[in-house]
Amino acid sequence: MKLFLKPYYIVTFILFYLYKLVEANLYIAYDILTPRLRIKPGFIKVPLTLKSNFGLLLFSNLLSMTPGSLSIDITDDKKTILVHVLYETTQDDMLKEFNVIQNKIKRITE
């Protein structure tokens, strides 16, 4: 059964990521075009739930390709990733968003 769900998970993940990518681009474009910048840069340590190296690679690269975030470093034990963000909100909201992405990646890599 899992074999039949993988293509579905891959397609839904691609659509989810494309939506997030467009959303981030529009947000940054709006911020640049308005007179006041709302940039509030910061760093956040995100606990990793991904176990596979491919999942970690995919997660870190997708974060870096999304405007407004950049993966900086993964700890040697692969339990935490340091992410630079342009629009820092509450820690809980940001971790929740990163965990949603990790869970979607986990479904297609593990």
PDB file of N, CA and C in Angstrom:
ATOM      1  N   MET A   1       0.822  -1.200   0.000  1.00  0.00           N
ATOM      2  CA  MET A   1       0.000   0.000   0.000  1.00  0.00           C
ATOM      3  C   MET A   1       0.864   1.261   0.000  1.00  0.00           C
ATOM      4  N   LYS A   2       1.983   1.194   0.733  1.00  0.00           N
ATOM      5  CA  LYS A   2       2.862   2.355   0.808  1.00  0.00           C
ATOM      6  C   LYS A   2       3.430   2.717  -0.556  1.00  0.00           C
ATOM      7  N   LEU A   3       3.664   1.697  -1.372  1.00  0.00           N
ATOM      8  CA  LEU A   3       4.200   1.899  -2.714  1.00  0.00           C
ATOM      9  C   LEU A   3       3.245   2.731  -3.571  1.00  0.00           C
ATOM     10  N   PHE A   4       1.952   2.517  -3.395  1.00  0.00           N
ATOM     11  CA  PHE A   4       0.966   3.254  -4.170  1.00  0.00           C
ATOM     12  C   PHE A   4       0.787   4.685  -3.671  1.00  0.00           C
ATOM     13  N   LEU A   5       1.077   4.931  -2.402  1.00  0.00           N
ATOM     14  CA  LEU A   5       0.918   6.268  -1.841  1.00  0.00           C
ATOM     15  C   LEU A   5       2.095   7.182  -2.143  1.00  0.00           C
ATOM     16  N   LYS A   6       3.281   6.620  -2.393  1.00  0.00           N
ATOM     17  CA  LYS A   6       4.472   7.441  -2.641  1.00  0.00           C
ATOM     18  C   LYS A   6       4.279   8.437  -3.781  1.00  0.00           C
ATOM     19  N   PRO A   7       3.798   8.008  -4.949  1.00  0.00           N
ATOM     20  CA  PRO A   7       3.604   9.000  -6.025  1.00  0.00           C
ATOM     21  C   PRO A   7       2.639  10.116  -5.623  1.00  0.00           C
ATOM     22  N   TYR A   8       1.593   9.764  -4.885  1.00  0.00           N
ATOM     23  CA  TYR A   8       0.648  10.764  -4.401  1.00  0.00           C
ATOM     24  C   TYR A   8       1.349  11.748  -3.458  1.00  0.00           C
ATOM     25  N   TYR A   9       2.148  11.226  -2.521  1.00  0.00           N
ATOM     26  CA  TYR A   9       2.876  12.093  -1.592  1.00  0.00           C
ATOM     27  C   TYR A   9       3.872  12.985  -2.321  1.00  0.00           C
ATOM     28  N   ILE A  10       4.516  12.459  -3.346  1.00  0.00           N
ATOM     29  CA  ILE A  10       5.483  13.254  -4.109  1.00  0.00           C
ATOM     30  C   ILE A  10       4.778  14.399  -4.832  1.00  0.00           C
ATOM     31  N   VAL A  11       3.666  14.108  -5.474  1.00  0.00           N
ATOM     32  CA  VAL A  11       2.927  15.144  -6.198  1.00  0.00           C
ATOM     33  C   VAL A  11       2.381  16.195  -5.236  1.00  0.00           C
ATOM     34  N   THR A  12       1.807  15.760  -4.114  1.00  0.00           N
ATOM     35  CA  THR A  12       1.277  16.738  -3.157  1.00  0.00           C
ATOM     36  C   THR A  12       2.396  17.578  -2.553  1.00  0.00           C
ATOM     37  N   PHE A  13       3.570  16.983  -2.344  1.00  0.00           N
ATOM     38  CA  PHE A  13       4.686  17.756  -1.819  1.00  0.00           C
ATOM     39  C   PHE A  13       5.161  18.792  -2.827  1.00  0.00           C
ATOM     40  N   ILE A  14       5.253  18.412  -4.088  1.00  0.00           N
ATOM     41  CA  ILE A  14       5.684  19.361  -5.117  1.00  0.00           C
ATOM     42  C   ILE A  14       4.698  20.528  -5.214  1.00  0.00           C
ATOM     43  N   LEU A  15       3.408  20.224  -5.194  1.00  0.00           N
ATOM     44  CA  LEU A  15       2.396  21.288  -5.232  1.00  0.00           C
ATOM     45  C   LEU A  15       2.468  22.169  -3.987  1.00  0.00           C
ATOM     46  N   PHE A  16       2.658  21.560  -2.821  1.00  0.00           N
ATOM     47  CA  PHE A  16       2.799  22.311  -1.573  1.00  0.00           C
ATOM     48  C   PHE A  16       4.008  23.230  -1.644  1.00  0.00           C
ATOM     49  N   TYR A  17       5.135  22.700  -2.109  1.00  0.00           N
ATOM     50  CA  TYR A  17       6.351  23.499  -2.166  1.00  0.00           C
ATOM     51  C   TYR A  17       6.222  24.635  -3.176  1.00  0.00           C
ATOM     52  N   LEU A  18       5.630  24.362  -4.334  1.00  0.00           N
ATOM     53  CA  LEU A  18       5.439  25.421  -5.323  1.00  0.00           C
ATOM     54  C   LEU A  18       4.548  26.534  -4.771  1.00  0.00           C
ATOM     55  N   TYR A  19       3.525  26.159  -4.044  1.00  0.00           N
ATOM     56  CA  TYR A  19       2.660  27.158  -3.409  1.00  0.00           C
ATOM     57  C   TYR A  19       3.458  28.011  -2.427  1.00  0.00           C
ATOM     58  N   LYS A  20       4.256  27.359  -1.576  1.00  0.00           N
ATOM     59  CA  LYS A  20       5.058  28.088  -0.593  1.00  0.00           C
ATOM     60  C   LYS A  20       6.104  28.972  -1.271  1.00  0.00           C
ATOM     61  N   LEU A  21       6.661  28.509  -2.356  1.00  0.00           N
ATOM     62  CA  LEU A  21       7.663  29.263  -3.095  1.00  0.00           C
ATOM     63  C   LEU A  21       7.050  30.534  -3.685  1.00  0.00           C
ATOM     64  N   VAL A  22       5.890  30.412  -4.312  1.00  0.00           N
ATOM     65  CA  VAL A  22       5.207  31.573  -4.879  1.00  0.00           C
ATOM     66  C   VAL A  22       4.794  32.530  -3.761  1.00  0.00           C
ATOM     67  N   GLU A  23       4.273  31.989  -2.675  1.00  0.00           N
ATOM     68  CA  GLU A  23       3.853  32.815  -1.542  1.00  0.00           C
ATOM     69  C   GLU A  23       5.030  33.627  -0.990  1.00  0.00           C
ATOM     70  N   ALA A  24       6.180  32.995  -0.810  1.00  0.00           N
ATOM     71  CA  ALA A  24       7.355  33.684  -0.285  1.00  0.00           C
ATOM     72  C   ALA A  24       7.847  34.754  -1.259  1.00  0.00           C
ATOM     73  N   ASN A  25       7.847  34.440  -2.550  1.00  0.00           N
ATOM     74  CA  ASN A  25       8.275  35.423  -3.549  1.00  0.00           C
ATOM     75  C   ASN A  25       7.355  36.644  -3.567  1.00  0.00           C
ATOM     76  N   LEU A  26       6.055  36.415  -3.509  1.00  0.00           N
ATOM     77  CA  LEU A  26       5.109  37.526  -3.490  1.00  0.00           C
ATOM     78  C   LEU A  26       5.264  38.364  -2.228  1.00  0.00           C
ATOM     79  N   TYR A  27       5.491  37.719  -1.103  1.00  0.00           N
ATOM     80  CA  TYR A  27       5.667  38.445   0.154  1.00  0.00           C
ATOM     81  C   TYR A  27       6.902  39.341   0.099  1.00  0.00           C
ATOM     82  N   ILE A  28       7.987  38.812  -0.410  1.00  0.00           N
ATOM     83  CA  ILE A  28       9.217  39.600  -0.500  1.00  0.00           C
ATOM     84  C   ILE A  28       9.056  40.712  -1.535  1.00  0.00           C
ATOM     85  N   ALA A  29       8.431  40.425  -2.658  1.00  0.00           N
ATOM     86  CA  ALA A  29       8.208  41.452  -3.679  1.00  0.00           C
ATOM     87  C   ALA A  29       7.343  42.584  -3.124  1.00  0.00           C
ATOM     88  N   TYR A  30       6.295  42.240  -2.403  1.00  0.00           N
ATOM     89  CA  TYR A  30       5.443  43.249  -1.780  1.00  0.00           C
ATOM     90  C   TYR A  30       6.240  44.088  -0.789  1.00  0.00           C
ATOM     91  N   ASP A  31       7.069  43.429   0.007  1.00  0.00           N
ATOM     92  CA  ASP A  31       7.862  44.140   1.004  1.00  0.00           C
ATOM     93  C   ASP A  31       8.857  45.092   0.345  1.00  0.00           C
ATOM     94  N   ILE A  32       9.426  44.695  -0.764  1.00  0.00           N
ATOM     95  CA  ILE A  32      10.393  45.542  -1.471  1.00  0.00           C
ATOM     96  C   ILE A  32       9.700  46.746  -2.112  1.00  0.00           C
ATOM     97  N   LEU A  33       8.512  46.527  -2.649  1.00  0.00           N
ATOM     98  CA  LEU A  33       7.811  47.590  -3.358  1.00  0.00           C
ATOM     99  C   LEU A  33       7.099  48.588  -2.452  1.00  0.00           C
ATOM    100  N   THR A  34       6.866  48.253  -1.217  1.00  0.00           N
ATOM    101  CA  THR A  34       6.232  49.183  -0.291  1.00  0.00           C
ATOM    102  C   THR A  34       7.294  50.065   0.361  1.00  0.00           C
ATOM    103  N   PRO A  35       6.910  51.247   0.824  1.00  0.00           N
ATOM    104  CA  PRO A  35       7.903  52.178   1.378  1.00  0.00           C
ATOM    105  C   PRO A  35       8.608  51.674   2.650  1.00  0.00           C
ATOM    106  N   ARG A  36       7.958  50.873   3.437  1.00  0.00           N
ATOM    107  CA  ARG A  36       8.549  50.429   4.692  1.00  0.00           C
ATOM    108  C   ARG A  36       8.901  48.945   4.616  1.00  0.00           C
ATOM    109  N   LEU A  37      10.144  48.619   4.927  1.00  0.00           N
ATOM    110  CA  LEU A  37      10.561  47.218   4.964  1.00  0.00           C
ATOM    111  C   LEU A  37      10.157  46.611   6.297  1.00  0.00           C
ATOM    112  N   ARG A  38       9.613  45.429   6.242  1.00  0.00           N
ATOM    113  CA  ARG A  38       9.214  44.728   7.465  1.00  0.00           C
ATOM    114  C   ARG A  38      10.165  43.592   7.798  1.00  0.00           C
ATOM    115  N   ILE A  39      11.366  43.663   7.261  1.00  0.00           N
ATOM    116  CA  ILE A  39      12.338  42.605   7.502  1.00  0.00           C
ATOM    117  C   ILE A  39      12.723  42.592   8.973  1.00  0.00           C
ATOM    118  N   LYS A  40      12.685  41.401   9.551  1.00  0.00           N
ATOM    119  CA  LYS A  40      13.115  41.191  10.929  1.00  0.00           C
ATOM    120  C   LYS A  40      13.971  39.923  10.923  1.00  0.00           C
ATOM    121  N   PRO A  41      15.252  40.060  10.517  1.00  0.00           N
ATOM    122  CA  PRO A  41      16.091  38.871  10.364  1.00  0.00           C
ATOM    123  C   PRO A  41      16.418  38.216  11.698  1.00  0.00           C
ATOM    124  N   GLY A  42      16.683  36.940  11.626  1.00  0.00           N
ATOM    125  CA  GLY A  42      17.051  36.206  12.826  1.00  0.00           C
ATOM    126  C   GLY A  42      17.495  34.794  12.489  1.00  0.00           C
ATOM    127  N   PHE A  43      17.980  34.121  13.500  1.00  0.00           N
ATOM    128  CA  PHE A  43      18.401  32.729  13.371  1.00  0.00           C
ATOM    129  C   PHE A  43      17.494  31.867  14.241  1.00  0.00           C
ATOM    130  N   ILE A  44      17.246  30.666  13.776  1.00  0.00           N
ATOM    131  CA  ILE A  44      16.444  29.727  14.553  1.00  0.00           C
ATOM    132  C   ILE A  44      17.073  28.347  14.431  1.00  0.00           C
ATOM    133  N   LYS A  45      17.131  27.648  15.550  1.00  0.00           N
ATOM    134  CA  LYS A  45      17.599  26.263  15.555  1.00  0.00           C
ATOM    135  C   LYS A  45      16.381  25.363  15.442  1.00  0.00           C
ATOM    136  N   VAL A  46      16.378  24.555  14.393  1.00  0.00           N
ATOM    137  CA  VAL A  46      15.242  23.683  14.124  1.00  0.00           C
ATOM    138  C   VAL A  46      15.638  22.246  14.438  1.00  0.00           C
ATOM    139  N   PRO A  47      14.932  21.590  15.353  1.00  0.00           N
ATOM    140  CA  PRO A  47      15.208  20.171  15.606  1.00  0.00           C
ATOM    141  C   PRO A  47      14.818  19.345  14.378  1.00  0.00           C
ATOM    142  N   LEU A  48      15.688  18.449  13.995  1.00  0.00           N
ATOM    143  CA  LEU A  48      15.440  17.616  12.815  1.00  0.00           C
ATOM    144  C   LEU A  48      14.777  16.305  13.215  1.00  0.00           C
ATOM    145  N   THR A  49      13.739  15.950  12.480  1.00  0.00           N
ATOM    146  CA  THR A  49      13.086  14.662  12.682  1.00  0.00           C
ATOM    147  C   THR A  49      13.394  13.717  11.532  1.00  0.00           C
ATOM    148  N   LEU A  50      14.038  14.232  10.498  1.00  0.00           N
ATOM    149  CA  LEU A  50      14.390  13.415   9.338  1.00  0.00           C
ATOM    150  C   LEU A  50      15.582  12.537   9.669  1.00  0.00           C
ATOM    151  N   LYS A  51      15.551  11.305   9.226  1.00  0.00           N
ATOM    152  CA  LYS A  51      16.634  10.352   9.523  1.00  0.00           C
ATOM    153  C   LYS A  51      17.523  10.089   8.317  1.00  0.00           C
ATOM    154  N   SER A  52      16.955  10.149   7.120  1.00  0.00           N
ATOM    155  CA  SER A  52      17.745   9.798   5.931  1.00  0.00           C
ATOM    156  C   SER A  52      18.580  10.989   5.470  1.00  0.00           C
ATOM    157  N   ASN A  53      19.728  10.695   4.918  1.00  0.00           N
ATOM    158  CA  ASN A  53      20.590  11.748   4.387  1.00  0.00           C
ATOM    159  C   ASN A  53      19.923  12.468   3.226  1.00  0.00           C
ATOM    160  N   PHE A  54      19.197  11.722   2.398  1.00  0.00           N
ATOM    161  CA  PHE A  54      18.489  12.342   1.288  1.00  0.00           C
ATOM    162  C   PHE A  54      17.414  13.306   1.798  1.00  0.00           C
ATOM    163  N   GLY A  55      16.707  12.925   2.852  1.00  0.00           N
ATOM    164  CA  GLY A  55      15.700  13.797   3.444  1.00  0.00           C
ATOM    165  C   GLY A  55      16.316  15.075   3.988  1.00  0.00           C
ATOM    166  N   LEU A  56      17.464  14.947   4.656  1.00  0.00           N
ATOM    167  CA  LEU A  56      18.165  16.127   5.177  1.00  0.00           C
ATOM    168  C   LEU A  56      18.643  17.027   4.044  1.00  0.00           C
ATOM    169  N   LEU A  57      19.163  16.417   2.998  1.00  0.00           N
ATOM    170  CA  LEU A  57      19.624  17.180   1.839  1.00  0.00           C
ATOM    171  C   LEU A  57      18.461  17.921   1.195  1.00  0.00           C
ATOM    172  N   LEU A  58      17.359  17.235   1.009  1.00  0.00           N
ATOM    173  CA  LEU A  58      16.176  17.834   0.408  1.00  0.00           C
ATOM    174  C   LEU A  58      15.649  18.984   1.265  1.00  0.00           C
ATOM    175  N   PHE A  59      15.559  18.770   2.558  1.00  0.00           N
ATOM    176  CA  PHE A  59      15.054  19.800   3.477  1.00  0.00           C
ATOM    177  C   PHE A  59      15.946  21.033   3.463  1.00  0.00           C
ATOM    178  N   SER A  60      17.247  20.844   3.603  1.00  0.00           N
ATOM    179  CA  SER A  60      18.151  21.998   3.654  1.00  0.00           C
ATOM    180  C   SER A  60      18.178  22.750   2.326  1.00  0.00           C
ATOM    181  N   ASN A  61      18.134  22.031   1.215  1.00  0.00           N
ATOM    182  CA  ASN A  61      18.140  22.694  -0.084  1.00  0.00           C
ATOM    183  C   ASN A  61      16.825  23.428  -0.355  1.00  0.00           C
ATOM    184  N   LEU A  62      15.716  22.830   0.013  1.00  0.00           N
ATOM    185  CA  LEU A  62      14.431  23.492  -0.206  1.00  0.00           C
ATOM    186  C   LEU A  62      14.290  24.736   0.661  1.00  0.00           C
ATOM    187  N   LEU A  63      14.831  24.691   1.869  1.00  0.00           N
ATOM    188  CA  LEU A  63      14.817  25.890   2.708  1.00  0.00           C
ATOM    189  C   LEU A  63      15.634  27.000   2.072  1.00  0.00           C
ATOM    190  N   SER A  64      16.778  26.634   1.525  1.00  0.00           N
ATOM    191  CA  SER A  64      17.656  27.640   0.934  1.00  0.00           C
ATOM    192  C   SER A  64      17.101  28.188  -0.378  1.00  0.00           C
ATOM    193  N   MET A  65      16.316  27.405  -1.096  1.00  0.00           N
ATOM    194  CA  MET A  65      15.743  27.877  -2.354  1.00  0.00           C
ATOM    195  C   MET A  65      14.526  28.769  -2.131  1.00  0.00           C
ATOM    196  N   THR A  66      13.956  28.714  -0.950  1.00  0.00           N
ATOM    197  CA  THR A  66      12.798  29.541  -0.642  1.00  0.00           C
ATOM    198  C   THR A  66      13.269  30.933  -0.244  1.00  0.00           C
ATOM    199  N   PRO A  67      12.773  31.986  -0.887  1.00  0.00           N
ATOM    200  CA  PRO A  67      13.195  33.337  -0.506  1.00  0.00           C
ATOM    201  C   PRO A  67      12.866  33.633   0.947  1.00  0.00           C
ATOM    202  N   GLY A  68      13.810  34.200   1.633  1.00  0.00           N
ATOM    203  CA  GLY A  68      13.597  34.584   3.020  1.00  0.00           C
ATOM    204  C   GLY A  68      14.151  33.603   4.018  1.00  0.00           C
ATOM    205  N   SER A  69      14.671  32.473   3.569  1.00  0.00           N
ATOM    206  CA  SER A  69      15.277  31.525   4.514  1.00  0.00           C
ATOM    207  C   SER A  69      16.522  30.903   3.888  1.00  0.00           C
ATOM    208  N   LEU A  70      17.437  30.545   4.754  1.00  0.00           N
ATOM    209  CA  LEU A  70      18.694  29.961   4.298  1.00  0.00           C
ATOM    210  C   LEU A  70      19.194  29.002   5.361  1.00  0.00           C
ATOM    211  N   SER A  71      19.427  27.755   4.984  1.00  0.00           N
ATOM    212  CA  SER A  71      19.987  26.802   5.943  1.00  0.00           C
ATOM    213  C   SER A  71      21.483  27.079   6.055  1.00  0.00           C
ATOM    214  N   ILE A  72      21.949  27.221   7.287  1.00  0.00           N
ATOM    215  CA  ILE A  72      23.328  27.614   7.543  1.00  0.00           C
ATOM    216  C   ILE A  72      24.190  26.417   7.902  1.00  0.00           C
ATOM    217  N   ASP A  73      23.729  25.599   8.855  1.00  0.00           N
ATOM    218  CA  ASP A  73      24.572  24.520   9.355  1.00  0.00           C
ATOM    219  C   ASP A  73      23.709  23.400   9.923  1.00  0.00           C
ATOM    220  N   ILE A  74      24.172  22.180   9.720  1.00  0.00           N
ATOM    221  CA  ILE A  74      23.565  21.014  10.358  1.00  0.00           C
ATOM    222  C   ILE A  74      24.578  20.473  11.343  1.00  0.00           C
ATOM    223  N   THR A  75      24.138  20.196  12.560  1.00  0.00           N
ATOM    224  CA  THR A  75      25.062  19.681  13.567  1.00  0.00           C
ATOM    225  C   THR A  75      25.600  18.320  13.147  1.00  0.00           C
ATOM    226  N   ASP A  76      26.747  17.947  13.726  1.00  0.00           N
ATOM    227  CA  ASP A  76      27.384  16.674  13.371  1.00  0.00           C
ATOM    228  C   ASP A  76      26.496  15.465  13.657  1.00  0.00           C
ATOM    229  N   ASP A  77      25.682  15.554  14.718  1.00  0.00           N
ATOM    230  CA  ASP A  77      24.809  14.432  15.061  1.00  0.00           C
ATOM    231  C   ASP A  77      23.498  14.431  14.254  1.00  0.00           C
ATOM    232  N   LYS A  78      23.333  15.409  13.374  1.00  0.00           N
ATOM    233  CA  LYS A  78      22.176  15.536  12.475  1.00  0.00           C
ATOM    234  C   LYS A  78      20.852  15.642  13.226  1.00  0.00           C
ATOM    235  N   LYS A  79      20.898  16.348  14.347  1.00  0.00           N
ATOM    236  CA  LYS A  79      19.682  16.519  15.145  1.00  0.00           C
ATOM    237  C   LYS A  79      19.137  17.941  15.085  1.00  0.00           C
ATOM    238  N   THR A  80      19.952  18.903  14.605  1.00  0.00           N
ATOM    239  CA  THR A  80      19.538  20.299  14.575  1.00  0.00           C
ATOM    240  C   THR A  80      20.099  20.980  13.329  1.00  0.00           C
ATOM    241  N   ILE A  81      19.300  21.876  12.773  1.00  0.00           N
ATOM    242  CA  ILE A  81      19.756  22.699  11.650  1.00  0.00           C
ATOM    243  C   ILE A  81      19.573  24.167  12.034  1.00  0.00           C
ATOM    244  N   LEU A  82      20.562  24.972  11.706  1.00  0.00           N
ATOM    245  CA  LEU A  82      20.499  26.407  11.957  1.00  0.00           C
ATOM    246  C   LEU A  82      19.995  27.079  10.689  1.00  0.00           C
ATOM    247  N   VAL A  83      18.932  27.865  10.820  1.00  0.00           N
ATOM    248  CA  VAL A  83      18.293  28.498   9.671  1.00  0.00           C
ATOM    249  C   VAL A  83      18.261  30.007   9.886  1.00  0.00           C
ATOM    250  N   HIS A  84      18.673  30.754   8.865  1.00  0.00           N
ATOM    251  CA  HIS A  84      18.547  32.212   8.896  1.00  0.00           C
ATOM    252  C   HIS A  84      17.248  32.572   8.189  1.00  0.00           C
ATOM    253  N   VAL A  85      16.439  33.409   8.815  1.00  0.00           N
ATOM    254  CA  VAL A  85      15.167  33.834   8.236  1.00  0.00           C
ATOM    255  C   VAL A  85      15.124  35.357   8.149  1.00  0.00           C
ATOM    256  N   LEU A  86      14.450  35.869   7.136  1.00  0.00           N
ATOM    257  CA  LEU A  86      14.298  37.320   6.996  1.00  0.00           C
ATOM    258  C   LEU A  86      13.117  37.855   7.791  1.00  0.00           C
ATOM    259  N   TYR A  87      12.107  37.035   7.961  1.00  0.00           N
ATOM    260  CA  TYR A  87      10.895  37.471   8.646  1.00  0.00           C
ATOM    261  C   TYR A  87      10.659  36.584   9.853  1.00  0.00           C
ATOM    262  N   GLU A  88      11.303  36.924  10.939  1.00  0.00           N
ATOM    263  CA  GLU A  88      11.195  36.106  12.145  1.00  0.00           C
ATOM    264  C   GLU A  88       9.867  36.393  12.835  1.00  0.00           C
ATOM    265  N   THR A  89       9.155  35.328  13.155  1.00  0.00           N
ATOM    266  CA  THR A  89       7.919  35.433  13.926  1.00  0.00           C
ATOM    267  C   THR A  89       8.158  34.696  15.240  1.00  0.00           C
ATOM    268  N   THR A  90       7.115  34.232  15.867  1.00  0.00           N
ATOM    269  CA  THR A  90       7.315  33.511  17.116  1.00  0.00           C
ATOM    270  C   THR A  90       7.988  32.172  16.840  1.00  0.00           C
ATOM    271  N   GLN A  91       8.753  31.727  17.803  1.00  0.00           N
ATOM    272  CA  GLN A  91       9.494  30.467  17.678  1.00  0.00           C
ATOM    273  C   GLN A  91       8.552  29.304  17.382  1.00  0.00           C
ATOM    274  N   ASP A  92       7.421  29.256  18.063  1.00  0.00           N
ATOM    275  CA  ASP A  92       6.469  28.155  17.872  1.00  0.00           C
ATOM    276  C   ASP A  92       5.907  28.132  16.462  1.00  0.00           C
ATOM    277  N   ASP A  93       5.545  29.302  15.927  1.00  0.00           N
ATOM    278  CA  ASP A  93       4.995  29.357  14.571  1.00  0.00           C
ATOM    279  C   ASP A  93       6.015  28.902  13.540  1.00  0.00           C
ATOM    280  N   MET A  94       7.243  29.332  13.707  1.00  0.00           N
ATOM    281  CA  MET A  94       8.281  28.969  12.755  1.00  0.00           C
ATOM    282  C   MET A  94       8.601  27.478  12.835  1.00  0.00           C
ATOM    283  N   LEU A  95       8.693  26.947  14.039  1.00  0.00           N
ATOM    284  CA  LEU A  95       8.976  25.523  14.195  1.00  0.00           C
ATOM    285  C   LEU A  95       7.839  24.681  13.637  1.00  0.00           C
ATOM    286  N   LYS A  96       6.607  25.143  13.823  1.00  0.00           N
ATOM    287  CA  LYS A  96       5.451  24.430  13.297  1.00  0.00           C
ATOM    288  C   LYS A  96       5.526  24.347  11.770  1.00  0.00           C
ATOM    289  N   GLU A  97       5.893  25.466  11.141  1.00  0.00           N
ATOM    290  CA  GLU A  97       6.002  25.498   9.677  1.00  0.00           C
ATOM    291  C   GLU A  97       7.118  24.581   9.184  1.00  0.00           C
ATOM    292  N   PHE A  98       8.263  24.622   9.856  1.00  0.00           N
ATOM    293  CA  PHE A  98       9.380  23.754   9.464  1.00  0.00           C
ATOM    294  C   PHE A  98       9.046  22.277   9.693  1.00  0.00           C
ATOM    295  N   ASN A  99       8.298  21.976  10.737  1.00  0.00           N
ATOM    296  CA  ASN A  99       7.914  20.587  11.003  1.00  0.00           C
ATOM    297  C   ASN A  99       6.925  20.060   9.963  1.00  0.00           C
ATOM    298  N   VAL A 100       6.055  20.923   9.458  1.00  0.00           N
ATOM    299  CA  VAL A 100       5.136  20.513   8.391  1.00  0.00           C
ATOM    300  C   VAL A 100       5.948  20.090   7.169  1.00  0.00           C
ATOM    301  N   ILE A 101       6.958  20.880   6.821  1.00  0.00           N
ATOM    302  CA  ILE A 101       7.802  20.546   5.668  1.00  0.00           C
ATOM    303  C   ILE A 101       8.545  19.239   5.921  1.00  0.00           C
ATOM    304  N   GLN A 102       9.105  19.090   7.123  1.00  0.00           N
ATOM    305  CA  GLN A 102       9.827  17.852   7.440  1.00  0.00           C
ATOM    306  C   GLN A 102       8.923  16.633   7.358  1.00  0.00           C
ATOM    307  N   ASN A 103       7.706  16.747   7.855  1.00  0.00           N
ATOM    308  CA  ASN A 103       6.780  15.615   7.814  1.00  0.00           C
ATOM    309  C   ASN A 103       6.416  15.234   6.380  1.00  0.00           C
ATOM    310  N   LYS A 104       6.258  16.224   5.522  1.00  0.00           N
ATOM    311  CA  LYS A 104       5.955  15.932   4.119  1.00  0.00           C
ATOM    312  C   LYS A 104       7.165  15.270   3.439  1.00  0.00           C
ATOM    313  N   ILE A 105       8.366  15.719   3.767  1.00  0.00           N
ATOM    314  CA  ILE A 105       9.570  15.103   3.200  1.00  0.00           C
ATOM    315  C   ILE A 105       9.736  13.695   3.733  1.00  0.00           C
ATOM    316  N   LYS A 106       9.438  13.504   5.003  1.00  0.00           N
ATOM    317  CA  LYS A 106       9.572  12.181   5.622  1.00  0.00           C
ATOM    318  C   LYS A 106       8.687  11.141   4.922  1.00  0.00           C
ATOM    319  N   ARG A 107       7.502  11.578   4.504  1.00  0.00           N
ATOM    320  CA  ARG A 107       6.590  10.645   3.835  1.00  0.00           C
ATOM    321  C   ARG A 107       7.131  10.167   2.502  1.00  0.00           C
ATOM    322  N   ILE A 108       7.953  10.972   1.840  1.00  0.00           N
ATOM    323  CA  ILE A 108       8.444  10.538   0.522  1.00  0.00           C
ATOM    324  C   ILE A 108       9.863   9.954   0.575  1.00  0.00           C
ATOM    325  N   THR A 109      10.575  10.129   1.691  1.00  0.00           N
ATOM    326  CA  THR A 109      11.958   9.628   1.735  1.00  0.00           C
ATOM    327  C   THR A 109      12.149   8.434   2.654  1.00  0.00           C
ATOM    328  N   GLU A 110      11.234   8.192   3.556  1.00  0.00           N
ATOM    329  CA  GLU A 110      11.438   7.088   4.508  1.00  0.00           C
ATOM    330  C   GLU A 110      10.408   5.994   4.343  1.00  0.00           C
TER     331      GLU A 110
END
